[in-house]
Amino acid sequence: MILVTVMYPNQEGSKFDMDYYMNSHLALVAEKWGGMGLNNARIVKGVSGGEPGSAPPYQVMAVVEFESAEAFQNAVA
């Protein structure tokens, strides 16, 4: 198994369209990679930084799980 993490920085003034990402982008990932060794894909939303009340360093992290590194390499080729 291999986990691949895609991290979207939380920069001042940036926006992230969570609705699009959850309903369109994640569905596209499942459609394209579902038969190529993709086991799971999930989204983690940043809610806080390390200090109380601070902003999270990342808005969103996508965690994609493949059965092997080779399966991931083939999927992204």
N, C-alpha and C. Protein backbone atom coordinates (compact mmCIF):
# COMPACT_ATOMS: atom_id res chain seq x y z
N MET A 1 0.84 -1.17 0.00
CA MET A 1 0.00 0.00 0.00
C MET A 1 0.90 1.24 0.00
N ILE A 2 0.41 2.29 -0.67
CA ILE A 2 1.09 3.59 -0.66
C ILE A 2 0.04 4.68 -0.47
N LEU A 3 0.37 5.65 0.36
CA LEU A 3 -0.49 6.82 0.56
C LEU A 3 0.17 8.01 -0.12
N VAL A 4 -0.60 8.72 -0.91
CA VAL A 4 -0.13 9.93 -1.56
C VAL A 4 -0.95 11.08 -1.01
N THR A 5 -0.28 12.13 -0.55
CA THR A 5 -0.97 13.28 0.03
C THR A 5 -0.75 14.50 -0.84
N VAL A 6 -1.85 15.15 -1.21
CA VAL A 6 -1.80 16.41 -1.95
C VAL A 6 -2.27 17.49 -1.00
N MET A 7 -1.42 18.50 -0.80
CA MET A 7 -1.71 19.52 0.21
C MET A 7 -1.90 20.88 -0.45
N TYR A 8 -3.00 21.53 -0.11
CA TYR A 8 -3.35 22.83 -0.67
C TYR A 8 -3.10 23.90 0.40
N PRO A 9 -2.04 24.72 0.22
CA PRO A 9 -1.68 25.72 1.23
C PRO A 9 -2.80 26.71 1.52
N ASN A 10 -2.82 27.16 2.75
CA ASN A 10 -3.80 28.15 3.18
C ASN A 10 -3.12 29.51 3.15
N GLN A 11 -3.14 30.15 2.00
CA GLN A 11 -2.51 31.46 1.86
C GLN A 11 -3.56 32.54 2.01
N GLU A 12 -3.17 33.65 2.60
CA GLU A 12 -4.09 34.76 2.81
C GLU A 12 -4.74 35.17 1.49
N GLY A 13 -6.07 35.27 1.49
CA GLY A 13 -6.81 35.68 0.30
C GLY A 13 -7.16 34.54 -0.65
N SER A 14 -6.59 33.36 -0.43
CA SER A 14 -6.90 32.24 -1.34
C SER A 14 -8.26 31.65 -0.99
N LYS A 15 -8.88 31.05 -1.99
CA LYS A 15 -10.19 30.41 -1.81
C LYS A 15 -10.10 28.97 -2.31
N PHE A 16 -10.88 28.11 -1.71
CA PHE A 16 -10.92 26.70 -2.11
C PHE A 16 -12.38 26.31 -2.27
N ASP A 17 -12.75 25.81 -3.45
CA ASP A 17 -14.12 25.43 -3.74
C ASP A 17 -14.35 23.98 -3.29
N MET A 18 -14.67 23.82 -2.02
CA MET A 18 -14.85 22.48 -1.44
C MET A 18 -15.98 21.72 -2.12
N ASP A 19 -17.07 22.39 -2.47
CA ASP A 19 -18.19 21.73 -3.12
C ASP A 19 -17.75 21.11 -4.45
N TYR A 20 -17.04 21.88 -5.27
CA TYR A 20 -16.54 21.36 -6.55
C TYR A 20 -15.58 20.20 -6.30
N TYR A 21 -14.66 20.38 -5.36
CA TYR A 21 -13.65 19.36 -5.12
C TYR A 21 -14.29 18.04 -4.68
N MET A 22 -15.24 18.12 -3.76
CA MET A 22 -15.89 16.92 -3.24
C MET A 22 -16.79 16.25 -4.28
N ASN A 23 -17.55 17.06 -5.02
CA ASN A 23 -18.57 16.50 -5.92
C ASN A 23 -18.10 16.24 -7.35
N SER A 24 -17.08 16.94 -7.79
CA SER A 24 -16.61 16.76 -9.17
C SER A 24 -15.21 16.14 -9.22
N HIS A 25 -14.27 16.78 -8.57
CA HIS A 25 -12.87 16.34 -8.68
C HIS A 25 -12.67 14.96 -8.07
N LEU A 26 -13.21 14.75 -6.89
CA LEU A 26 -13.04 13.45 -6.23
C LEU A 26 -13.73 12.34 -7.02
N ALA A 27 -14.87 12.64 -7.63
CA ALA A 27 -15.56 11.66 -8.48
C ALA A 27 -14.73 11.33 -9.71
N LEU A 28 -14.05 12.32 -10.27
CA LEU A 28 -13.19 12.10 -11.43
C LEU A 28 -12.00 11.22 -11.06
N VAL A 29 -11.42 11.45 -9.90
CA VAL A 29 -10.31 10.61 -9.42
C VAL A 29 -10.78 9.15 -9.31
N ALA A 30 -11.94 8.93 -8.71
CA ALA A 30 -12.47 7.57 -8.57
C ALA A 30 -12.75 6.94 -9.93
N GLU A 31 -13.30 7.72 -10.85
CA GLU A 31 -13.62 7.20 -12.18
C GLU A 31 -12.36 6.81 -12.94
N LYS A 32 -11.37 7.66 -12.94
CA LYS A 32 -10.16 7.43 -13.73
C LYS A 32 -9.21 6.42 -13.11
N TRP A 33 -9.09 6.41 -11.79
CA TRP A 33 -8.12 5.56 -11.13
C TRP A 33 -8.73 4.36 -10.42
N GLY A 34 -10.06 4.28 -10.40
CA GLY A 34 -10.73 3.20 -9.67
C GLY A 34 -10.30 1.81 -10.09
N GLY A 35 -10.06 1.61 -11.35
CA GLY A 35 -9.63 0.29 -11.85
C GLY A 35 -8.14 0.16 -11.97
N MET A 36 -7.40 1.10 -11.40
CA MET A 36 -5.94 1.11 -11.54
C MET A 36 -5.22 0.96 -10.21
N GLY A 37 -5.87 0.33 -9.25
CA GLY A 37 -5.23 0.10 -7.96
C GLY A 37 -5.57 1.11 -6.88
N LEU A 38 -6.50 2.04 -7.18
CA LEU A 38 -6.93 3.00 -6.17
C LEU A 38 -7.80 2.26 -5.14
N ASN A 39 -7.42 2.35 -3.89
CA ASN A 39 -8.20 1.72 -2.82
C ASN A 39 -9.13 2.70 -2.13
N ASN A 40 -8.66 3.96 -2.00
CA ASN A 40 -9.44 4.93 -1.23
C ASN A 40 -8.94 6.33 -1.55
N ALA A 41 -9.83 7.29 -1.46
CA ALA A 41 -9.46 8.71 -1.57
C ALA A 41 -10.32 9.47 -0.57
N ARG A 42 -9.68 10.30 0.24
CA ARG A 42 -10.44 11.05 1.23
C ARG A 42 -9.88 12.46 1.34
N ILE A 43 -10.69 13.33 1.88
CA ILE A 43 -10.35 14.73 2.03
C ILE A 43 -10.26 15.07 3.51
N VAL A 44 -9.23 15.83 3.88
CA VAL A 44 -9.06 16.30 5.24
C VAL A 44 -9.05 17.82 5.17
N LYS A 45 -9.97 18.47 5.87
CA LYS A 45 -10.06 19.93 5.86
C LYS A 45 -9.32 20.50 7.06
N GLY A 46 -8.41 21.46 6.79
CA GLY A 46 -7.69 22.12 7.87
C GLY A 46 -8.64 23.01 8.65
N VAL A 47 -8.57 22.95 9.97
CA VAL A 47 -9.46 23.77 10.79
C VAL A 47 -8.69 24.68 11.76
N SER A 48 -7.42 24.37 12.03
CA SER A 48 -6.68 25.16 13.00
C SER A 48 -5.19 24.91 12.82
N GLY A 49 -4.40 25.89 13.25
CA GLY A 49 -2.96 25.72 13.26
C GLY A 49 -2.51 25.15 14.59
N GLY A 50 -1.21 25.13 14.82
CA GLY A 50 -0.66 24.58 16.05
C GLY A 50 -0.96 25.41 17.28
N GLU A 51 -1.08 26.72 17.11
CA GLU A 51 -1.40 27.62 18.21
C GLU A 51 -2.91 27.85 18.27
N PRO A 52 -3.48 27.93 19.45
CA PRO A 52 -4.92 28.20 19.56
C PRO A 52 -5.32 29.46 18.80
N GLY A 53 -6.35 29.34 17.99
CA GLY A 53 -6.86 30.47 17.22
C GLY A 53 -6.10 30.79 15.95
N SER A 54 -5.04 30.05 15.66
CA SER A 54 -4.26 30.33 14.45
C SER A 54 -4.87 29.60 13.25
N ALA A 55 -4.59 30.11 12.07
CA ALA A 55 -5.11 29.51 10.84
C ALA A 55 -4.36 28.22 10.52
N PRO A 56 -5.02 27.27 9.89
CA PRO A 56 -4.33 26.04 9.52
C PRO A 56 -3.33 26.32 8.40
N PRO A 57 -2.20 25.62 8.37
CA PRO A 57 -1.23 25.83 7.31
C PRO A 57 -1.74 25.35 5.94
N TYR A 58 -2.68 24.42 5.95
CA TYR A 58 -3.26 23.89 4.71
C TYR A 58 -4.78 23.97 4.79
N GLN A 59 -5.40 24.40 3.69
CA GLN A 59 -6.86 24.45 3.63
C GLN A 59 -7.43 23.05 3.58
N VAL A 60 -6.82 22.24 2.72
CA VAL A 60 -7.33 20.90 2.45
C VAL A 60 -6.14 19.99 2.14
N MET A 61 -6.28 18.73 2.55
CA MET A 61 -5.32 17.70 2.16
C MET A 61 -6.11 16.54 1.57
N ALA A 62 -5.69 16.09 0.41
CA ALA A 62 -6.30 14.91 -0.19
C ALA A 62 -5.36 13.74 0.07
N VAL A 63 -5.89 12.66 0.59
CA VAL A 63 -5.10 11.46 0.87
C VAL A 63 -5.62 10.36 -0.05
N VAL A 64 -4.75 9.91 -0.92
CA VAL A 64 -5.12 8.91 -1.93
C VAL A 64 -4.33 7.64 -1.65
N GLU A 65 -5.04 6.53 -1.54
CA GLU A 65 -4.41 5.25 -1.19
C GLU A 65 -4.44 4.31 -2.39
N PHE A 66 -3.27 3.80 -2.76
CA PHE A 66 -3.14 2.82 -3.84
C PHE A 66 -2.62 1.51 -3.29
N GLU A 67 -2.88 0.45 -4.01
CA GLU A 67 -2.43 -0.87 -3.54
C GLU A 67 -0.91 -1.00 -3.55
N SER A 68 -0.23 -0.22 -4.39
CA SER A 68 1.23 -0.28 -4.45
C SER A 68 1.77 1.00 -5.10
N ALA A 69 3.07 1.23 -4.92
CA ALA A 69 3.72 2.36 -5.57
C ALA A 69 3.65 2.19 -7.09
N GLU A 70 3.80 0.97 -7.56
CA GLU A 70 3.72 0.70 -9.00
C GLU A 70 2.34 1.04 -9.55
N ALA A 71 1.29 0.70 -8.82
CA ALA A 71 -0.08 1.04 -9.25
C ALA A 71 -0.25 2.55 -9.34
N PHE A 72 0.27 3.28 -8.36
CA PHE A 72 0.19 4.74 -8.40
C PHE A 72 0.95 5.29 -9.61
N GLN A 73 2.15 4.81 -9.82
CA GLN A 73 2.96 5.28 -10.96
C GLN A 73 2.25 5.01 -12.28
N ASN A 74 1.63 3.86 -12.41
CA ASN A 74 0.88 3.54 -13.64
C ASN A 74 -0.33 4.44 -13.79
N ALA A 75 -1.00 4.75 -12.70
CA ALA A 75 -2.20 5.59 -12.76
C ALA A 75 -1.86 7.01 -13.19
N VAL A 76 -0.76 7.54 -12.73
CA VAL A 76 -0.42 8.93 -13.06
C VAL A 76 0.38 9.05 -14.36
N ALA A 77 0.76 7.94 -14.93
CA ALA A 77 1.54 7.97 -16.20
C ALA A 77 0.69 8.45 -17.36
